[in-house]
């Protein structure tokens, strides 16, 4: 039968080879093509037809290999059809390390993507549900399926709950998948008295439940496809652009500090997004060319905890990147309460190949101490939802649905037995004796420790206590100590503090504030830790900080938390003490008041309400504090920022005049002055901001424009600026313009429509109408490349052609030909605020035109066609003007006829496909 399936596979390949960007390799050819770390070797464990579309694996206690097959991917079954996912169980009966003889445990599942063994069955994530599935009659086929939880999001196959994992706290963790859901107990939920009254919203978080009591809850996260722990119980997750996130702040920590606000609960241990760097050796293709050689599909993050790779690999993170046909390795180093990382090898991936069908999607630690790689082996791995329209139905989309491989990686110099032999020799099984399981807690490999601790916790045999406590006394291994702790806690037994080990979630936010305050340079996570320890009493900590030279960010953030708590007596006590300390500790007082204002509901007004509640000297003391700080010589960014923040808080008319005077001169703190004026409510501040606005760089102009829409007075000032030609209409953000053109005040509405509504010039309307026919012409992207070189490359860069001066047009996946035609022929129709044409007249009378590349308090730099740049000192500029138009000239139709236009549009749309990385059929 196997031979027959292979023949069918070859026949299918023969018929489809003409549409595939590359041809598949046999397992043996694929193995030879790998470029692997020189101290390691890779071996085939299973392949088609025994394994098809594998996405997750788990070794049972008896050593059998359970494989979740994701054959629904990418589009799932048609309406009324059964699912194509299934779970198969493979065996290695002769101990040669190859797993064969698959038995189908369950089929007809929809998008099944993960499982873990539990008691006499498996817990499975599939189609927005958590199921418990088991075989009750011994034929290795599931005959009992229980729905324990449901409500996880199912919008996209790549974004579903996954990776059920038995955690160090003996609870089962589920990765969110990124799209969340509202979780409710399923129809077979075995713990009716633990049902929550409302659906549990897991948006932005992961999920956890207790398999003994049925209690379920949200936990910090969230992960897309991947969930792993290290020996200490640190949890790691990943998502497309984030290869390894350490979850630092758990929900329990956030509950301890209810007034703490953080932008994220995790640390990007490995560089993420644009900061990530990959070194594929294949001809890779990413949905956005701007993401080339970066993580775009990170998945299956795993902390390696085995003993069959070189010792230095233990505790490293490994992450799959299927679009890059590689597995990436990072070395993690503890840093405070989290980690830093560095690549395993600089400029070289741990595992890579030129085989474009190699699609590693998951990893696992095995019974033999090896690292296992789950290879879905597909021609195309990107989901149609996330690719350009022309690729959604590419003809090679489904090539590889009859393939799949599992690989294991071990040390090159080591002799490593097969998992089946090791499990048999070590008597690992669900029926192993209790004493044998306790001994396995001492094992050097994590798989044995994890299986043993789970089985011991499942059995709940209290007589193991003495043996496990003896391990705590004798072992120095973090992995063994963690397993022993877990067993005792799972049995409900008290565990004393240990000199060599503490679970990460306990140790991370323990300690005393004084020792932390002694740290010379606090990290952002140190500040978070101090706030967690401070708990519900941030004001008490603020009092302690006033008498010492504490970190400015720390003082401000603790004070902000006190402001959020908003207890009148506490707030006024802090204000009074800070003002009393102003002469001795002016900066500490300043940071405290700034932080309080941010935390209070009414911000600046809130501060003054409390100051007025104090005695008559408080306002005078505040103004004295402002003067002290302004007169101070310190020019650090923190202190300068504090000066302007204090100016923003002050309600003294003289202070406002001081800000206005600063704004009228040339100064290097334009951003701080702009933001200070934007926060002030007085009409004088708005007038000053309007005067400043035409001179502002783009990054600040949007802030200023947005702040001038709070009331009718400010809106008229802004519109007058446009009417007088001092601010281009296109410089007003489109969303703000729409809001003003729909204003309730008819006078403002009429004025805004007249000034901001942009009708295209008549000549552009005529030219666009004449060129519509080019959208239906047969086009040639290779001819279009030559047109681009001749007419566009002086300012635009596409791939390796041209110069990067004007907006990046290379990422054209969401741009239609109609959109491109319009913007080529009418370049002023819509202009990115960062790409207005500017004119500078220098003191010699020479006129320069270009895009504003940078602007500081002392200099201006313009970027011009062909990549040229010209810089000016402020003193060398006679005049400078935003021209309100694009640098791209109007009238390209004079040199580019319709056929050339069709060709150049085709080049911009299809340039990425000209190297043969996708079937030629998609080019149009």
Foldseek 3Di string as FASTA:
>chain_A
DQVVLVVVLVVVCVVCVQFFLDHFDDPVVQLVFKDFDPQKHKDFAEKPPQAFQFQEWDAALLGKIKTWHQLLPFPFDDPPAFTAIFIWIWDDVPQPRHTGDIDTQDGSFTLWHEWDDDDQFIWTFGQQFTKTWHDDPPPSHTDDIATFKGFQDDPGSQQTKYDFDQALQRKTWIARQQPWTFMFTDPRRPAVVQTDPGTATQHQFTKIAHPVRGHIHTKHDHANAAWEAALQRFIWHAFQFQQTKTQQDIPVLCQLQVLADDPGRIDSQADGDPRAAAQAPAPFDDQFPSQPRGRGGKHAKYQQQFDFAPPQSHRWIWIFRQRRQAIWIWRWDDDQLRTHTDGPDPNDGNMHGRRNQFGFHHWDQALQRWIKTWTNRASDDDHLVRHFPLCSPRPRRSGRSSIITMMTMGGPPDDTTHSSVSSVVLVRHLPDDLVSLLVQLPDSGLVSLVSSLSSLLSVLDVVCLVVLVVCLVPDLDSNSNSSSVSNCVSNVHDDDDHPRGDRSVVPNLDDDLVVLQPDPDDDPVSLSSSSSVCGHPLLVVLVVVLVDDGDLVSLLSSLLSVLQVPDLVSLLVLLVVLLVCCVVRLSSSLSNLQSNLNNHPNRLVVSVVSQVVDDPCSLVSLVVSLVVLVPDPDDPPVSVLSNLSSLLSRPDPVSVVVLLVVLVDQDQPNQSSLVSLLSHDDPVSLVSLLVNLLVDALVSNQVNLVSQPPDDSSLVSVLVCQVVVSDPLLSHDPVVLVDQCVDPPVVSNVSSCVRNPDDADPVLVVVLVVLPVLQVDDAAQVLLVVVCLVAPQQDEDADNGHDPFADHLLRCSPPDLSNVSSCLQRVFPHGDSQFFKKWWQWPVRDIDIAGFPDDGSFKTKGADTNRDIDMDTPNGTPDMGRPSGGPRDHDCCVVAPSRSSSNNSLNSNCVSPVVSSGGPVSRD
